[in-house]
Amino acid sequence: MSELLETTGQIIYDPNRFGMKRRTEWWCVVVLDNDLARYYRWMVSRRYFGRTTNDPTWLKPPAWGAHVSVVRGERPRNKYIKNWKKRHKEIITIKYDPTPRQVDVKNKEHFWFIDAYSDDVMNIRNELGLPTHYKFHITIGRTV
């Protein structure tokens, strides 16, 4: 792991997810500056594929902008519902590993991302009674 860098973002509950067909409720994300993902798309294009421009037809930006997904369509248990939206619009710090990685999905798309870490994100999941064993990430782009 590289030395971690930091950025800040705003916690948003139930963000608009246009085009999503299932699990459209019970989402919480940390919205980040889109320039972070834009920079890493440029870096991946240049470093790994020798491209000198950020070719938008090759590495697509994340569908919903730069963000960390905290809750992904998971309904909190009844006794924790009172904590839903408790931290809405709060600004938090996200630490991230600046080394991009990729994952292949169904042998047709490659998602590029950077690993993200935040005690605040884990605390939100804990406050909602949701599992806290997840690894978080910031998607920077995908190939098509």
C-alpha atoms as a PDB file:
ATOM      1  CA  MET A   1       0.000   0.000   0.000  1.00  0.00           C
ATOM      2  CA  SER A   2       1.208   3.473  -0.867  1.00  0.00           C
ATOM      3  CA  GLU A   3       1.106   6.358   1.559  1.00  0.00           C
ATOM      4  CA  LEU A   4      -2.528   7.392   1.902  1.00  0.00           C
ATOM      5  CA  LEU A   5      -3.769  10.725   0.604  1.00  0.00           C
ATOM      6  CA  GLU A   6      -6.813  12.606   1.886  1.00  0.00           C
ATOM      7  CA  THR A   7      -9.804  14.347   0.404  1.00  0.00           C
ATOM      8  CA  THR A   8     -13.137  15.491   1.774  1.00  0.00           C
ATOM      9  CA  GLY A   9     -16.664  14.753   0.708  1.00  0.00           C
ATOM     10  CA  GLN A  10     -20.275  15.301   1.682  1.00  0.00           C
ATOM     11  CA  ILE A  11     -22.525  12.523   2.979  1.00  0.00           C
ATOM     12  CA  ILE A  12     -25.734  12.257   0.956  1.00  0.00           C
ATOM     13  CA  TYR A  13     -28.597   9.871   1.706  1.00  0.00           C
ATOM     14  CA  ASP A  14     -30.921   8.710  -1.070  1.00  0.00           C
ATOM     15  CA  PRO A  15     -29.004  10.413  -3.908  1.00  0.00           C
ATOM     16  CA  ASN A  16     -30.520  10.477  -7.387  1.00  0.00           C
ATOM     17  CA  ARG A  17     -29.438   7.367  -9.267  1.00  0.00           C
ATOM     18  CA  PHE A  18     -30.970   7.898 -12.702  1.00  0.00           C
ATOM     19  CA  GLY A  19     -30.968   4.758 -14.802  1.00  0.00           C
ATOM     20  CA  MET A  20     -30.747   2.365 -11.855  1.00  0.00           C
ATOM     21  CA  LYS A  21     -33.284  -0.436 -12.250  1.00  0.00           C
ATOM     22  CA  ARG A  22     -33.120  -2.308  -8.949  1.00  0.00           C
ATOM     23  CA  ARG A  23     -32.203  -1.572  -5.337  1.00  0.00           C
ATOM     24  CA  THR A  24     -33.006   2.102  -5.835  1.00  0.00           C
ATOM     25  CA  GLU A  25     -33.801   2.829  -2.182  1.00  0.00           C
ATOM     26  CA  TRP A  26     -31.587   2.904   0.900  1.00  0.00           C
ATOM     27  CA  TRP A  27     -28.446   4.426  -0.574  1.00  0.00           C
ATOM     28  CA  CYS A  28     -25.898   6.590   1.177  1.00  0.00           C
ATOM     29  CA  VAL A  29     -22.801   7.961  -0.534  1.00  0.00           C
ATOM     30  CA  VAL A  30     -19.972  10.360   0.127  1.00  0.00           C
ATOM     31  CA  VAL A  31     -19.906  12.754  -2.830  1.00  0.00           C
ATOM     32  CA  LEU A  32     -16.375  13.776  -3.846  1.00  0.00           C
ATOM     33  CA  ASP A  33     -14.929  16.358  -6.219  1.00  0.00           C
ATOM     34  CA  ASN A  34     -15.197  14.964  -9.771  1.00  0.00           C
ATOM     35  CA  ASP A  35     -11.708  16.284 -10.545  1.00  0.00           C
ATOM     36  CA  LEU A  36     -10.283  13.485  -8.374  1.00  0.00           C
ATOM     37  CA  ALA A  37     -11.710  10.777 -10.657  1.00  0.00           C
ATOM     38  CA  ARG A  38     -10.904  12.862 -13.758  1.00  0.00           C
ATOM     39  CA  TYR A  39      -7.244  13.072 -12.728  1.00  0.00           C
ATOM     40  CA  TYR A  40      -6.996   9.308 -12.162  1.00  0.00           C
ATOM     41  CA  ARG A  41      -8.666   8.557 -15.532  1.00  0.00           C
ATOM     42  CA  TRP A  42      -5.997  10.720 -17.172  1.00  0.00           C
ATOM     43  CA  MET A  43      -3.248   8.999 -15.184  1.00  0.00           C
ATOM     44  CA  VAL A  44      -4.495   5.471 -16.032  1.00  0.00           C
ATOM     45  CA  SER A  45      -4.789   6.411 -19.715  1.00  0.00           C
ATOM     46  CA  ARG A  46      -1.261   7.765 -19.812  1.00  0.00           C
ATOM     47  CA  ARG A  47       0.579   5.406 -17.469  1.00  0.00           C
ATOM     48  CA  TYR A  48      -0.963   2.068 -18.378  1.00  0.00           C
ATOM     49  CA  PHE A  49      -1.981   2.595 -21.998  1.00  0.00           C
ATOM     50  CA  GLY A  50       0.359   5.297 -23.338  1.00  0.00           C
ATOM     51  CA  ARG A  51      -2.455   7.660 -24.247  1.00  0.00           C
ATOM     52  CA  THR A  52      -1.607  11.336 -23.983  1.00  0.00           C
ATOM     53  CA  THR A  53      -5.188  12.572 -23.705  1.00  0.00           C
ATOM     54  CA  ASN A  54      -8.148  11.564 -21.612  1.00  0.00           C
ATOM     55  CA  ASP A  55     -10.056   9.831 -24.416  1.00  0.00           C
ATOM     56  CA  PRO A  56     -13.690   9.823 -23.193  1.00  0.00           C
ATOM     57  CA  THR A  57     -14.645   7.032 -25.599  1.00  0.00           C
ATOM     58  CA  TRP A  58     -12.169   4.675 -23.956  1.00  0.00           C
ATOM     59  CA  LEU A  59     -12.377   5.167 -20.180  1.00  0.00           C
ATOM     60  CA  LYS A  60     -15.874   6.263 -19.147  1.00  0.00           C
ATOM     61  CA  PRO A  61     -16.400   8.291 -15.956  1.00  0.00           C
ATOM     62  CA  PRO A  62     -18.442   6.803 -13.098  1.00  0.00           C
ATOM     63  CA  ALA A  63     -22.181   6.939 -13.854  1.00  0.00           C
ATOM     64  CA  TRP A  64     -22.916   9.040 -10.757  1.00  0.00           C
ATOM     65  CA  GLY A  65     -19.722  11.064 -10.424  1.00  0.00           C
ATOM     66  CA  ALA A  66     -16.894  10.615  -7.938  1.00  0.00           C
ATOM     67  CA  HIS A  67     -18.188   9.060  -4.730  1.00  0.00           C
ATOM     68  CA  VAL A  68     -17.757   6.384  -2.091  1.00  0.00           C
ATOM     69  CA  SER A  69     -20.801   4.138  -1.665  1.00  0.00           C
ATOM     70  CA  VAL A  70     -21.542   3.723   2.045  1.00  0.00           C
ATOM     71  CA  VAL A  71     -24.913   1.930   1.899  1.00  0.00           C
ATOM     72  CA  ARG A  72     -25.827   0.140  -1.323  1.00  0.00           C
ATOM     73  CA  GLY A  73     -29.551  -0.527  -1.264  1.00  0.00           C
ATOM     74  CA  GLU A  74     -29.410  -2.198   2.164  1.00  0.00           C
ATOM     75  CA  ARG A  75     -32.351  -1.477   4.446  1.00  0.00           C
ATOM     76  CA  PRO A  76     -31.249  -0.964   8.063  1.00  0.00           C
ATOM     77  CA  ARG A  77     -32.869  -3.161  10.682  1.00  0.00           C
ATOM     78  CA  ASN A  78     -35.940  -1.581  12.309  1.00  0.00           C
ATOM     79  CA  LYS A  79     -34.243  -0.553  15.544  1.00  0.00           C
ATOM     80  CA  TYR A  80     -31.633   1.422  13.538  1.00  0.00           C
ATOM     81  CA  ILE A  81     -33.991   3.238  11.137  1.00  0.00           C
ATOM     82  CA  LYS A  82     -33.915   6.284  13.446  1.00  0.00           C
ATOM     83  CA  ASN A  83     -30.285   6.836  12.392  1.00  0.00           C
ATOM     84  CA  TRP A  84     -31.111   7.067   8.671  1.00  0.00           C
ATOM     85  CA  LYS A  85     -30.142  10.543   7.421  1.00  0.00           C
ATOM     86  CA  LYS A  86     -28.569  11.358  10.798  1.00  0.00           C
ATOM     87  CA  ARG A  87     -25.408  12.659   9.093  1.00  0.00           C
ATOM     88  CA  HIS A  88     -26.987  14.084   5.927  1.00  0.00           C
ATOM     89  CA  LYS A  89     -24.764  16.737   4.303  1.00  0.00           C
ATOM     90  CA  GLU A  90     -22.000  16.286   6.885  1.00  0.00           C
ATOM     91  CA  ILE A  91     -18.475  16.827   5.493  1.00  0.00           C
ATOM     92  CA  ILE A  92     -16.031  14.007   6.250  1.00  0.00           C
ATOM     93  CA  THR A  93     -12.468  13.053   5.364  1.00  0.00           C
ATOM     94  CA  ILE A  94     -11.756  10.095   3.116  1.00  0.00           C
ATOM     95  CA  LYS A  95      -8.281   8.585   2.910  1.00  0.00           C
ATOM     96  CA  TYR A  96      -7.302   6.787  -0.252  1.00  0.00           C
ATOM     97  CA  ASP A  97      -4.477   4.778  -1.753  1.00  0.00           C
ATOM     98  CA  PRO A  98      -3.300   6.651  -4.874  1.00  0.00           C
ATOM     99  CA  THR A  99      -2.442   3.419  -6.722  1.00  0.00           C
ATOM    100  CA  PRO A 100      -5.195   2.620  -9.261  1.00  0.00           C
ATOM    101  CA  ARG A 101      -6.390  -0.956  -9.635  1.00  0.00           C
ATOM    102  CA  GLN A 102      -8.782  -2.690 -11.991  1.00  0.00           C
ATOM    103  CA  VAL A 103     -11.330  -5.474 -11.822  1.00  0.00           C
ATOM    104  CA  ASP A 104     -12.876  -7.390 -14.709  1.00  0.00           C
ATOM    105  CA  VAL A 105     -16.666  -7.763 -14.650  1.00  0.00           C
ATOM    106  CA  LYS A 106     -18.182 -10.556 -16.755  1.00  0.00           C
ATOM    107  CA  ASN A 107     -15.221 -10.422 -19.164  1.00  0.00           C
ATOM    108  CA  LYS A 108     -16.559  -7.335 -20.892  1.00  0.00           C
ATOM    109  CA  GLU A 109     -15.825  -4.296 -18.727  1.00  0.00           C
ATOM    110  CA  HIS A 110     -12.841  -3.294 -16.680  1.00  0.00           C
ATOM    111  CA  PHE A 111     -13.515  -1.015 -13.736  1.00  0.00           C
ATOM    112  CA  TRP A 112     -10.647   1.137 -12.481  1.00  0.00           C
ATOM    113  CA  PHE A 113     -10.742   2.317  -8.881  1.00  0.00           C
ATOM    114  CA  ILE A 114      -8.682   3.443  -5.910  1.00  0.00           C
ATOM    115  CA  ASP A 115      -9.123   1.954  -2.448  1.00  0.00           C
ATOM    116  CA  ALA A 116     -10.773   4.265   0.113  1.00  0.00           C
ATOM    117  CA  TYR A 117     -10.762   4.244   3.910  1.00  0.00           C
ATOM    118  CA  SER A 118     -12.793   6.160   6.487  1.00  0.00           C
ATOM    119  CA  ASP A 119     -13.713   5.584  10.114  1.00  0.00           C
ATOM    120  CA  ASP A 120     -16.751   7.827   9.519  1.00  0.00           C
ATOM    121  CA  VAL A 121     -18.002   5.532   6.761  1.00  0.00           C
ATOM    122  CA  MET A 122     -17.621   2.498   9.026  1.00  0.00           C
ATOM    123  CA  ASN A 123     -19.393   4.362  11.840  1.00  0.00           C
ATOM    124  CA  ILE A 124     -22.367   5.153   9.575  1.00  0.00           C
ATOM    125  CA  ARG A 125     -22.731   1.470   8.684  1.00  0.00           C
ATOM    126  CA  ASN A 126     -22.412   0.538  12.353  1.00  0.00           C
ATOM    127  CA  GLU A 127     -25.052   3.122  13.366  1.00  0.00           C
ATOM    128  CA  LEU A 128     -27.407   1.497  10.850  1.00  0.00           C
ATOM    129  CA  GLY A 129     -26.729  -2.031  12.080  1.00  0.00           C
ATOM    130  CA  LEU A 130     -25.128  -3.023   8.767  1.00  0.00           C
ATOM    131  CA  PRO A 131     -22.032  -5.209   8.309  1.00  0.00           C
ATOM    132  CA  THR A 132     -18.742  -3.303   8.542  1.00  0.00           C
ATOM    133  CA  HIS A 133     -16.392  -5.776   6.873  1.00  0.00           C
ATOM    134  CA  TYR A 134     -16.543  -4.102   3.448  1.00  0.00           C
ATOM    135  CA  LYS A 135     -13.634  -2.611   1.556  1.00  0.00           C
ATOM    136  CA  PHE A 136     -14.550   0.749   0.104  1.00  0.00           C
ATOM    137  CA  HIS A 137     -13.356   2.335  -3.125  1.00  0.00           C
ATOM    138  CA  ILE A 138     -13.663   5.320  -5.435  1.00  0.00           C
ATOM    139  CA  THR A 139     -14.495   4.245  -8.992  1.00  0.00           C
ATOM    140  CA  ILE A 140     -12.503   6.340 -11.432  1.00  0.00           C
ATOM    141  CA  GLY A 141     -13.748   4.849 -14.699  1.00  0.00           C
ATOM    142  CA  ARG A 142     -14.627   1.824 -16.773  1.00  0.00           C
ATOM    143  CA  THR A 143     -13.790   0.527 -20.190  1.00  0.00           C
ATOM    144  CA  VAL A 144     -16.500  -0.488 -22.636  1.00  0.00           C
END
